C-alpha atoms as a PDB file:
ATOM      1  CA  MET A   1     -50.071  32.431 -97.827  1.00  0.00           C
ATOM      2  CA  LEU A   2     -50.689  32.275 -94.067  1.00  0.00           C
ATOM      3  CA  LYS A   3     -48.882  28.928 -93.897  1.00  0.00           C
ATOM      4  CA  LEU A   4     -45.928  30.368 -95.774  1.00  0.00           C
ATOM      5  CA  LYS A   5     -45.782  33.372 -93.455  1.00  0.00           C
ATOM      6  CA  THR A   6     -45.933  31.099 -90.410  1.00  0.00           C
ATOM      7  CA  PHE A   7     -43.139  28.988 -91.856  1.00  0.00           C
ATOM      8  CA  ALA A   8     -41.053  32.146 -92.444  1.00  0.00           C
ATOM      9  CA  THR A   9     -41.431  33.394 -88.885  1.00  0.00           C
ATOM     10  CA  GLU A  10     -40.895  29.999 -87.285  1.00  0.00           C
ATOM     11  CA  ARG A  11     -37.960  28.954 -89.489  1.00  0.00           C
ATOM     12  CA  PRO A  12     -36.405  32.224 -90.677  1.00  0.00           C
ATOM     13  CA  LEU A  13     -33.067  30.706 -91.704  1.00  0.00           C
ATOM     14  CA  VAL A  14     -34.559  27.961 -93.862  1.00  0.00           C
ATOM     15  CA  PHE A  15     -37.070  30.366 -95.399  1.00  0.00           C
ATOM     16  CA  SER A  16     -34.343  32.924 -96.135  1.00  0.00           C
ATOM     17  CA  LEU A  17     -32.075  30.337 -97.754  1.00  0.00           C
ATOM     18  CA  LEU A  18     -34.924  29.175 -99.983  1.00  0.00           C
ATOM     19  CA  ALA A  19     -35.832  32.752-100.916  1.00  0.00           C
ATOM     20  CA  ILE A  20     -32.212  33.577-101.748  1.00  0.00           C
ATOM     21  CA  LEU A  21     -31.807  30.386-103.789  1.00  0.00           C
ATOM     22  CA  LEU A  22     -34.967  31.080-105.776  1.00  0.00           C
ATOM     23  CA  GLY A  23     -34.019  34.716-106.317  1.00  0.00           C
ATOM     24  CA  SER A  24     -30.523  33.733-107.458  1.00  0.00           C
ATOM     25  CA  LEU A  25     -31.876  31.179-109.929  1.00  0.00           C
ATOM     26  CA  LEU A  26     -34.310  33.681-111.410  1.00  0.00           C
ATOM     27  CA  THR A  27     -31.523  36.206-111.962  1.00  0.00           C
ATOM     28  CA  GLU A  28     -29.393  33.619-113.768  1.00  0.00           C
ATOM     29  CA  ILE A  29     -31.886  32.789-116.541  1.00  0.00           C
ATOM     30  CA  PRO A  30     -29.798  32.720-119.764  1.00  0.00           C
ATOM     31  CA  ILE A  31     -31.613  35.204-121.999  1.00  0.00           C
ATOM     32  CA  LYS A  32     -28.566  37.368-122.735  1.00  0.00           C
ATOM     33  CA  GLY A  33     -27.569  35.347-125.779  1.00  0.00           C
ATOM     34  CA  MET A  34     -30.989  35.797-127.334  1.00  0.00           C
ATOM     35  CA  LEU A  35     -30.946  39.564-126.751  1.00  0.00           C
ATOM     36  CA  ALA A  36     -27.340  39.938-127.935  1.00  0.00           C
ATOM     37  CA  SER A  37     -28.268  39.012-131.486  1.00  0.00           C
ATOM     38  CA  TYR A  38     -30.509  42.088-131.611  1.00  0.00           C
ATOM     39  CA  VAL A  39     -28.738  44.752-129.517  1.00  0.00           C
ATOM     40  CA  GLY A  40     -25.160  43.576-129.015  1.00  0.00           C
ATOM     41  CA  VAL A  41     -23.381  41.859-126.114  1.00  0.00           C
ATOM     42  CA  GLN A  42     -22.967  44.747-123.669  1.00  0.00           C
ATOM     43  CA  PRO A  43     -26.503  46.179-123.995  1.00  0.00           C
ATOM     44  CA  ALA A  44     -27.866  42.618-123.781  1.00  0.00           C
ATOM     45  CA  HIS A  45     -25.921  42.063-120.565  1.00  0.00           C
ATOM     46  CA  TYR A  46     -27.438  45.179-119.020  1.00  0.00           C
ATOM     47  CA  LEU A  47     -30.952  44.474-120.302  1.00  0.00           C
ATOM     48  CA  THR A  48     -30.830  40.946-118.873  1.00  0.00           C
ATOM     49  CA  LEU A  49     -29.869  42.234-115.443  1.00  0.00           C
ATOM     50  CA  ILE A  50     -32.461  45.013-115.533  1.00  0.00           C
ATOM     51  CA  LEU A  51     -35.282  42.667-116.519  1.00  0.00           C
ATOM     52  CA  GLU A  52     -34.415  39.778-114.232  1.00  0.00           C
ATOM     53  CA  GLN A  53     -33.471  41.845-111.194  1.00  0.00           C
ATOM     54  CA  GLY A  54     -36.475  44.091-111.665  1.00  0.00           C
ATOM     55  CA  LEU A  55     -38.767  41.069-111.858  1.00  0.00           C
ATOM     56  CA  VAL A  56     -37.321  39.366-108.768  1.00  0.00           C
ATOM     57  CA  GLY A  57     -37.514  42.615-106.809  1.00  0.00           C
ATOM     58  CA  GLY A  58     -41.135  43.021-107.838  1.00  0.00           C
ATOM     59  CA  LEU A  59     -41.992  39.489-106.712  1.00  0.00           C
ATOM     60  CA  VAL A  60     -40.341  40.087-103.333  1.00  0.00           C
ATOM     61  CA  PHE A  61     -42.295  43.325-102.961  1.00  0.00           C
ATOM     62  CA  LEU A  62     -45.560  41.466-103.602  1.00  0.00           C
ATOM     63  CA  LEU A  63     -44.597  38.815-101.041  1.00  0.00           C
ATOM     64  CA  LEU A  64     -43.816  41.475 -98.428  1.00  0.00           C
ATOM     65  CA  ALA A  65     -47.181  43.088 -99.150  1.00  0.00           C
ATOM     66  CA  ARG A  66     -49.015  39.777 -98.722  1.00  0.00           C
ATOM     67  CA  PHE A  67     -47.158  39.158 -95.448  1.00  0.00           C
ATOM     68  CA  GLY A  68     -48.032  42.658 -94.226  1.00  0.00           C
ATOM     69  CA  TRP A  69     -44.325  43.447 -93.702  1.00  0.00           C
ATOM     70  CA  LEU A  70     -43.864  46.460 -95.967  1.00  0.00           C
ATOM     71  CA  ASN A  71     -43.540  48.900 -93.077  1.00  0.00           C
ATOM     72  CA  THR A  72     -40.821  46.926 -91.292  1.00  0.00           C
ATOM     73  CA  ALA A  73     -39.068  46.405 -94.638  1.00  0.00           C
ATOM     74  CA  GLY A  74     -38.750  50.173 -95.037  1.00  0.00           C
ATOM     75  CA  PHE A  75     -41.569  50.973 -97.441  1.00  0.00           C
ATOM     76  CA  THR A  76     -42.736  53.879 -95.320  1.00  0.00           C
ATOM     77  CA  SER A  77     -44.092  57.351 -96.015  1.00  0.00           C
ATOM     78  CA  PRO A  78     -41.574  60.253 -96.062  1.00  0.00           C
ATOM     79  CA  ARG A  79     -42.925  61.620 -92.780  1.00  0.00           C
ATOM     80  CA  GLN A  80     -41.621  58.482 -91.055  1.00  0.00           C
ATOM     81  CA  TRP A  81     -38.079  58.847 -92.405  1.00  0.00           C
ATOM     82  CA  ARG A  82     -35.371  59.642 -89.884  1.00  0.00           C
ATOM     83  CA  ALA A  83     -31.662  60.567 -89.846  1.00  0.00           C
ATOM     84  CA  LEU A  84     -31.004  60.164 -93.559  1.00  0.00           C
ATOM     85  CA  TRP A  85     -27.609  61.819 -93.076  1.00  0.00           C
ATOM     86  CA  LEU A  86     -26.300  58.646 -91.416  1.00  0.00           C
ATOM     87  CA  GLY A  87     -25.503  57.211 -94.839  1.00  0.00           C
ATOM     88  CA  TRP A  88     -22.700  59.718 -95.479  1.00  0.00           C
ATOM     89  CA  PRO A  89     -19.911  57.075 -95.284  1.00  0.00           C
ATOM     90  CA  LEU A  90     -21.495  55.303 -98.257  1.00  0.00           C
ATOM     91  CA  LEU A  91     -21.460  58.536-100.251  1.00  0.00           C
ATOM     92  CA  LEU A  92     -17.815  58.993 -99.357  1.00  0.00           C
ATOM     93  CA  PHE A  93     -17.014  55.424-100.381  1.00  0.00           C
ATOM     94  CA  THR A  94     -18.837  55.995-103.693  1.00  0.00           C
ATOM     95  CA  LEU A  95     -16.526  58.907-104.469  1.00  0.00           C
ATOM     96  CA  ILE A  96     -13.452  56.905-103.452  1.00  0.00           C
ATOM     97  CA  ASN A  97     -14.630  54.008-105.614  1.00  0.00           C
ATOM     98  CA  ILE A  98     -14.525  56.069-108.821  1.00  0.00           C
ATOM     99  CA  GLU A  99     -11.412  55.074-110.728  1.00  0.00           C
ATOM    100  CA  GLU A 100      -9.053  57.968-111.358  1.00  0.00           C
ATOM    101  CA  GLY A 101      -8.795  59.158-114.954  1.00  0.00           C
ATOM    102  CA  ILE A 102     -12.157  57.751-116.057  1.00  0.00           C
ATOM    103  CA  VAL A 103     -13.641  59.552-119.075  1.00  0.00           C
ATOM    104  CA  ILE A 104     -17.201  58.544-119.911  1.00  0.00           C
ATOM    105  CA  ASP A 105     -17.836  57.743-123.571  1.00  0.00           C
ATOM    106  CA  THR A 106     -20.678  60.212-124.182  1.00  0.00           C
ATOM    107  CA  SER A 107     -21.091  59.016-127.770  1.00  0.00           C
ATOM    108  CA  ARG A 108     -23.143  56.067-126.443  1.00  0.00           C
ATOM    109  CA  PRO A 109     -25.996  57.648-124.406  1.00  0.00           C
ATOM    110  CA  ILE A 110     -28.212  54.563-124.544  1.00  0.00           C
ATOM    111  CA  LEU A 111     -25.435  52.401-123.109  1.00  0.00           C
ATOM    112  CA  ILE A 112     -24.840  54.986-120.361  1.00  0.00           C
ATOM    113  CA  ALA A 113     -28.554  54.899-119.484  1.00  0.00           C
ATOM    114  CA  LEU A 114     -28.616  51.091-119.446  1.00  0.00           C
ATOM    115  CA  HIS A 115     -25.539  51.039-117.206  1.00  0.00           C
ATOM    116  CA  LEU A 116     -27.265  53.385-114.741  1.00  0.00           C
ATOM    117  CA  LEU A 117     -30.477  51.353-114.808  1.00  0.00           C
ATOM    118  CA  THR A 118     -28.443  48.193-114.175  1.00  0.00           C
ATOM    119  CA  ALA A 119     -26.935  49.730-111.034  1.00  0.00           C
ATOM    120  CA  LEU A 120     -30.396  50.815-109.880  1.00  0.00           C
ATOM    121  CA  SER A 121     -31.858  47.361-110.531  1.00  0.00           C
ATOM    122  CA  THR A 122     -29.004  45.759-108.572  1.00  0.00           C
ATOM    123  CA  GLY A 123     -29.612  48.092-105.628  1.00  0.00           C
ATOM    124  CA  TRP A 124     -33.325  47.386-105.910  1.00  0.00           C
ATOM    125  CA  VAL A 125     -33.195  43.584-105.958  1.00  0.00           C
ATOM    126  CA  GLU A 126     -30.400  43.098-103.429  1.00  0.00           C
ATOM    127  CA  GLU A 127     -31.856  45.526-100.909  1.00  0.00           C
ATOM    128  CA  ILE A 128     -35.458  44.372-101.161  1.00  0.00           C
ATOM    129  CA  LEU A 129     -34.364  40.729-100.960  1.00  0.00           C
ATOM    130  CA  PHE A 130     -31.743  40.921 -98.219  1.00  0.00           C
ATOM    131  CA  ARG A 131     -32.766  43.964 -96.186  1.00  0.00           C
ATOM    132  CA  GLY A 132     -36.437  43.992 -97.136  1.00  0.00           C
ATOM    133  CA  LEU A 133     -37.291  40.285 -96.879  1.00  0.00           C
ATOM    134  CA  VAL A 134     -34.452  38.387 -95.198  1.00  0.00           C
ATOM    135  CA  LEU A 135     -33.671  40.945 -92.486  1.00  0.00           C
ATOM    136  CA  THR A 136     -37.359  41.503 -91.805  1.00  0.00           C
ATOM    137  CA  THR A 137     -37.917  37.752 -91.500  1.00  0.00           C
ATOM    138  CA  PHE A 138     -35.226  37.472 -88.833  1.00  0.00           C
ATOM    139  CA  LEU A 139     -36.518  40.583 -87.065  1.00  0.00           C
ATOM    140  CA  GLN A 140     -39.986  39.063 -86.840  1.00  0.00           C
ATOM    141  CA  LYS A 141     -38.377  36.154 -84.999  1.00  0.00           C
ATOM    142  CA  TRP A 142     -35.746  37.928 -82.892  1.00  0.00           C
ATOM    143  CA  GLY A 143     -36.352  41.667 -83.157  1.00  0.00           C
ATOM    144  CA  GLN A 144     -38.232  42.128 -79.888  1.00  0.00           C
ATOM    145  CA  ALA A 145     -34.898  42.587 -78.068  1.00  0.00           C
ATOM    146  CA  ARG A 146     -31.744  44.587 -78.821  1.00  0.00           C
ATOM    147  CA  LYS A 147     -29.558  41.477 -79.011  1.00  0.00           C
ATOM    148  CA  GLY A 148     -32.041  40.010 -81.457  1.00  0.00           C
ATOM    149  CA  ILE A 149     -31.749  43.087 -83.680  1.00  0.00           C
ATOM    150  CA  TYR A 150     -27.958  42.733 -83.811  1.00  0.00           C
ATOM    151  CA  LEU A 151     -28.270  39.007 -84.479  1.00  0.00           C
ATOM    152  CA  SER A 152     -30.775  39.610 -87.278  1.00  0.00           C
ATOM    153  CA  VAL A 153     -28.485  42.155 -88.914  1.00  0.00           C
ATOM    154  CA  LEU A 154     -25.398  39.949 -88.656  1.00  0.00           C
ATOM    155  CA  VAL A 155     -27.037  36.750 -89.904  1.00  0.00           C
ATOM    156  CA  SER A 156     -28.756  38.483 -92.844  1.00  0.00           C
ATOM    157  CA  SER A 157     -25.469  40.213 -93.732  1.00  0.00           C
ATOM    158  CA  VAL A 158     -23.536  36.931 -93.665  1.00  0.00           C
ATOM    159  CA  LEU A 159     -26.133  35.440 -96.020  1.00  0.00           C
ATOM    160  CA  PHE A 160     -25.770  38.502 -98.251  1.00  0.00           C
ATOM    161  CA  GLY A 161     -22.016  38.058 -98.360  1.00  0.00           C
ATOM    162  CA  ALA A 162     -22.189  34.302 -98.902  1.00  0.00           C
ATOM    163  CA  THR A 163     -24.433  34.765-101.933  1.00  0.00           C
ATOM    164  CA  HIS A 164     -21.482  36.301-103.778  1.00  0.00           C
ATOM    165  CA  LEU A 165     -19.936  32.822-103.831  1.00  0.00           C
ATOM    166  CA  MET A 166     -22.003  32.473-106.996  1.00  0.00           C
ATOM    167  CA  ASN A 167     -19.394  34.613-108.773  1.00  0.00           C
ATOM    168  CA  PHE A 168     -16.780  31.907-108.165  1.00  0.00           C
ATOM    169  CA  ILE A 169     -19.146  29.052-108.997  1.00  0.00           C
ATOM    170  CA  GLN A 170     -20.088  30.727-112.292  1.00  0.00           C
ATOM    171  CA  GLY A 171     -16.421  31.361-113.118  1.00  0.00           C
ATOM    172  CA  ARG A 172     -16.764  35.146-113.052  1.00  0.00           C
ATOM    173  CA  LYS A 173     -14.173  35.703-110.316  1.00  0.00           C
ATOM    174  CA  PRO A 174     -11.187  33.746-108.925  1.00  0.00           C
ATOM    175  CA  LEU A 175     -11.354  32.348-105.392  1.00  0.00           C
ATOM    176  CA  LEU A 176      -9.357  35.135-103.707  1.00  0.00           C
ATOM    177  CA  ASN A 177     -11.456  37.834-105.383  1.00  0.00           C
ATOM    178  CA  THR A 178     -14.627  36.057-104.320  1.00  0.00           C
ATOM    179  CA  ALA A 179     -13.484  35.577-100.717  1.00  0.00           C
ATOM    180  CA  THR A 180     -12.602  39.261-100.549  1.00  0.00           C
ATOM    181  CA  GLN A 181     -15.952  40.253-102.021  1.00  0.00           C
ATOM    182  CA  ILE A 182     -17.819  38.016 -99.564  1.00  0.00           C
ATOM    183  CA  THR A 183     -15.988  39.661 -96.672  1.00  0.00           C
ATOM    184  CA  PHE A 184     -16.621  43.255 -97.639  1.00  0.00           C
ATOM    185  CA  ALA A 185     -20.179  42.413 -98.751  1.00  0.00           C
ATOM    186  CA  ILE A 186     -20.844  41.357 -95.147  1.00  0.00           C
ATOM    187  CA  PHE A 187     -19.485  44.747 -94.022  1.00  0.00           C
ATOM    188  CA  PHE A 188     -21.726  46.539 -96.507  1.00  0.00           C
ATOM    189  CA  GLY A 189     -24.671  44.390 -95.420  1.00  0.00           C
ATOM    190  CA  VAL A 190     -24.314  45.553 -91.823  1.00  0.00           C
ATOM    191  CA  MET A 191     -24.032  49.162 -92.964  1.00  0.00           C
ATOM    192  CA  PHE A 192     -27.061  48.949 -95.262  1.00  0.00           C
ATOM    193  CA  SER A 193     -29.098  47.221 -92.542  1.00  0.00           C
ATOM    194  CA  ALA A 194     -28.184  49.844 -89.963  1.00  0.00           C
ATOM    195  CA  CYS A 195     -29.137  52.675 -92.315  1.00  0.00           C
ATOM    196  CA  LEU A 196     -32.460  51.023 -93.107  1.00  0.00           C
ATOM    197  CA  LEU A 197     -33.352  50.546 -89.455  1.00  0.00           C
ATOM    198  CA  ARG A 198     -32.248  54.042 -88.442  1.00  0.00           C
ATOM    199  CA  ASN A 199     -33.712  55.798 -91.508  1.00  0.00           C
ATOM    200  CA  ARG A 200     -36.962  53.802 -91.407  1.00  0.00           C
ATOM    201  CA  SER A 201     -36.848  53.771 -95.208  1.00  0.00           C
ATOM    202  CA  ILE A 202     -35.411  51.361 -97.753  1.00  0.00           C
ATOM    203  CA  TRP A 203     -35.237  53.923-100.569  1.00  0.00           C
ATOM    204  CA  PRO A 204     -32.041  55.732 -99.461  1.00  0.00           C
ATOM    205  CA  VAL A 205     -30.359  52.344 -99.014  1.00  0.00           C
ATOM    206  CA  ILE A 206     -31.375  51.237-102.510  1.00  0.00           C
ATOM    207  CA  LEU A 207     -29.994  54.459-103.995  1.00  0.00           C
ATOM    208  CA  LEU A 208     -26.761  54.309-101.986  1.00  0.00           C
ATOM    209  CA  HIS A 209     -26.231  50.667-102.951  1.00  0.00           C
ATOM    210  CA  ALA A 210     -26.818  51.565-106.592  1.00  0.00           C
ATOM    211  CA  ALA A 211     -24.376  54.481-106.339  1.00  0.00           C
ATOM    212  CA  VAL A 212     -21.614  52.247-104.969  1.00  0.00           C
ATOM    213  CA  ASP A 213     -22.105  49.707-107.767  1.00  0.00           C
ATOM    214  CA  TRP A 214     -22.368  52.429-110.428  1.00  0.00           C
ATOM    215  CA  ALA A 215     -19.123  54.076-109.331  1.00  0.00           C
ATOM    216  CA  GLY A 216     -17.270  50.771-109.223  1.00  0.00           C
ATOM    217  CA  THR A 217     -18.210  49.821-112.801  1.00  0.00           C
ATOM    218  CA  LEU A 218     -17.746  53.136-114.645  1.00  0.00           C
ATOM    219  CA  ARG A 219     -14.836  51.616-116.575  1.00  0.00           C
ATOM    220  CA  GLU A 220     -17.458  49.664-118.553  1.00  0.00           C
ATOM    221  CA  ILE A 221     -18.814  52.848-120.182  1.00  0.00           C
ATOM    222  CA  ALA A 222     -15.543  54.768-120.331  1.00  0.00           C
ATOM    223  CA  VAL A 223     -13.492  55.632-123.383  1.00  0.00           C
ATOM    224  CA  GLY A 224     -11.350  52.589-124.092  1.00  0.00           C
ATOM    225  CA  GLY A 225     -13.272  50.522-121.558  1.00  0.00           C
ATOM    226  CA  GLY A 226     -15.915  47.873-122.013  1.00  0.00           C
ATOM    227  CA  LEU A 227     -17.690  44.967-120.409  1.00  0.00           C
ATOM    228  CA  ARG A 228     -15.465  42.582-118.474  1.00  0.00           C
ATOM    229  CA  LEU A 229     -17.294  39.383-117.562  1.00  0.00           C
ATOM    230  CA  THR A 230     -14.338  37.765-115.783  1.00  0.00           C
ATOM    231  CA  ALA A 231     -11.865  39.355-113.376  1.00  0.00           C
ATOM    232  CA  PRO A 232      -8.118  38.705-113.147  1.00  0.00           C
ATOM    233  CA  THR A 233      -6.830  37.344-109.851  1.00  0.00           C
ATOM    234  CA  MET A 234      -6.153  40.153-107.389  1.00  0.00           C
ATOM    235  CA  SER A 235      -3.036  40.187-105.252  1.00  0.00           C
ATOM    236  CA  LEU A 236      -3.189  39.322-101.569  1.00  0.00           C
ATOM    237  CA  ASP A 237      -2.133  42.889-100.733  1.00  0.00           C
ATOM    238  CA  ASN A 238      -5.017  44.349-102.729  1.00  0.00           C
ATOM    239  CA  ALA A 239      -7.410  41.907-101.083  1.00  0.00           C
ATOM    240  CA  LEU A 240      -6.309  43.015 -97.610  1.00  0.00           C
ATOM    241  CA  ILE A 241      -6.516  46.678 -98.601  1.00  0.00           C
ATOM    242  CA  SER A 242     -10.081  46.195 -99.887  1.00  0.00           C
ATOM    243  CA  ILE A 243     -11.089  44.584 -96.598  1.00  0.00           C
ATOM    244  CA  LEU A 244      -9.407  47.248 -94.475  1.00  0.00           C
ATOM    245  CA  ILE A 245     -10.996  50.082 -96.472  1.00  0.00           C
ATOM    246  CA  THR A 246     -14.486  48.660 -95.979  1.00  0.00           C
ATOM    247  CA  LEU A 247     -14.040  47.527 -92.360  1.00  0.00           C
ATOM    248  CA  PRO A 248     -15.007  51.005 -91.010  1.00  0.00           C
ATOM    249  CA  LEU A 249     -18.421  50.613 -92.659  1.00  0.00           C
ATOM    250  CA  PHE A 250     -18.978  47.453 -90.609  1.00  0.00           C
ATOM    251  CA  LEU A 251     -17.912  49.131 -87.367  1.00  0.00           C
ATOM    252  CA  TYR A 252     -19.901  52.291 -88.086  1.00  0.00           C
ATOM    253  CA  GLY A 253     -22.982  50.212 -88.895  1.00  0.00           C
ATOM    254  CA  LEU A 254     -22.744  48.374 -85.585  1.00  0.00           C
ATOM    255  CA  TYR A 255     -22.279  51.715 -83.812  1.00  0.00           C
ATOM    256  CA  ILE A 256     -25.377  53.408 -85.215  1.00  0.00           C
ATOM    257  CA  LEU A 257     -27.461  50.290 -84.559  1.00  0.00           C
ATOM    258  CA  ARG A 258     -27.259  51.015 -80.835  1.00  0.00           C
ATOM    259  CA  LYS A 259     -30.092  53.545 -81.110  1.00  0.00           C
ATOM    260  CA  VAL A 260     -32.510  51.204 -82.860  1.00  0.00           C
ATOM    261  CA  GLU A 261     -35.387  50.437 -80.504  1.00  0.00           C
ATOM    262  CA  PRO A 262     -37.506  47.298 -80.999  1.00  0.00           C
ATOM    263  CA  ASP A 263     -40.650  49.418 -80.692  1.00  0.00           C
ATOM    264  CA  SER A 264     -39.613  51.470 -83.742  1.00  0.00           C
ATOM    265  CA  LEU A 265     -39.489  48.518 -86.136  1.00  0.00           C
ATOM    266  CA  GLY A 266     -43.212  48.023 -86.673  1.00  0.00           C
ATOM    267  CA  LEU A 267     -42.974  44.329 -85.833  1.00  0.00           C
ATOM    268  CA  GLU A 268     -46.077  42.239 -85.454  1.00  0.00           C
ATOM    269  CA  ALA A 269     -47.238  42.048 -81.860  1.00  0.00           C
ATOM    270  CA  VAL A 270     -46.307  38.964 -79.883  1.00  0.00           C
ATOM    271  CA  PRO A 271     -49.459  37.381 -78.461  1.00  0.00           C
ATOM    272  CA  SER A 272     -49.912  38.131 -74.767  1.00  0.00           C
ATOM    273  CA  LEU A 273     -50.141  35.185 -72.384  1.00  0.00           C
ATOM    274  CA  ILE A 274     -52.489  37.118 -70.098  1.00  0.00           C
ATOM    275  CA  SER A 275     -54.929  38.770 -72.478  1.00  0.00           C
ATOM    276  CA  SER A 276     -55.417  35.866 -74.896  1.00  0.00           C
ATOM    277  CA  PRO A 277     -58.466  33.701 -74.128  1.00  0.00           C
ATOM    278  CA  GLY A 278     -57.755  30.338 -72.558  1.00  0.00           C
ATOM    279  CA  LEU A 279     -54.172  31.134 -71.552  1.00  0.00           C
ATOM    280  CA  THR A 280     -52.789  31.450 -68.081  1.00  0.00           C
ATOM    281  CA  ARG A 281     -49.467  32.743 -66.824  1.00  0.00           C
ATOM    282  CA  ASN A 282     -48.131  29.208 -66.425  1.00  0.00           C
ATOM    283  CA  GLN A 283     -49.357  27.803 -69.742  1.00  0.00           C
ATOM    284  CA  PRO A 284     -46.690  27.570 -72.497  1.00  0.00           C
ATOM    285  CA  LEU A 285     -47.564  29.660 -75.555  1.00  0.00           C
ATOM    286  CA  ASP A 286     -46.564  27.036 -78.124  1.00  0.00           C
ATOM    287  CA  ARG A 287     -48.768  24.403 -76.480  1.00  0.00           C
ATOM    288  CA  ALA A 288     -51.694  26.821 -76.299  1.00  0.00           C
ATOM    289  CA  VAL A 289     -51.366  27.700 -79.987  1.00  0.00           C
ATOM    290  CA  LYS A 290     -51.427  24.049 -80.947  1.00  0.00           C
END
């Protein structure tokens, strides 16, 4: 485990790409067909996501615990939480994201519960993987300086956005829809990262992420609605509108990041060249470690 942790801190990009690839593969295991024969297609779809995303999130949590990174990843006690109100734009976006005229089909309470749990499991796995593990990995490498914090947030958010390319590869969304989703997912990634680092807790970010996804998919449990596994091609105008609506989240996230201090992140201490035995001021650290 120590070798893996060293690899993660020395090569954060490669480690993050491998972690994302593995997580993506584990959440694409085709068990929905097997479950559908017992519970139906839509419940099976939700159960598959809940089980697979819950499992992957749990594995990432265990890895963070073994690395000793839970604190930096936002698994902190409530007394350490700060400025939770900063996530208000995400609450506002959640309300805006609710389609007008939606009437929930209350005759299917189990389906409603599964839909909610699916949103929670999505918030759980995506936040613990991208903000909990990937962002923390980059922060361990670059987070000792303000510029490094911004770089960590931007790179992890780009990786978060790029992962949505899977929707095009799997045939779930056309190219324009996917490109639009990648763009605004990067914006959301910056916002989620900023809230995590300012709040010092991952839990509000998980819940806010889940709320955004829940609001955007209410049509699935509405009267006359249902599960839609593929999306029709959106117009270029709608794509631009989606990007412009979410752009303020990106800018706001960058703005609130300015008050994040490296000392507040709970990063592992960088070995001192003066206090460590056998090192002198003029001796390179990497050579001394070897």
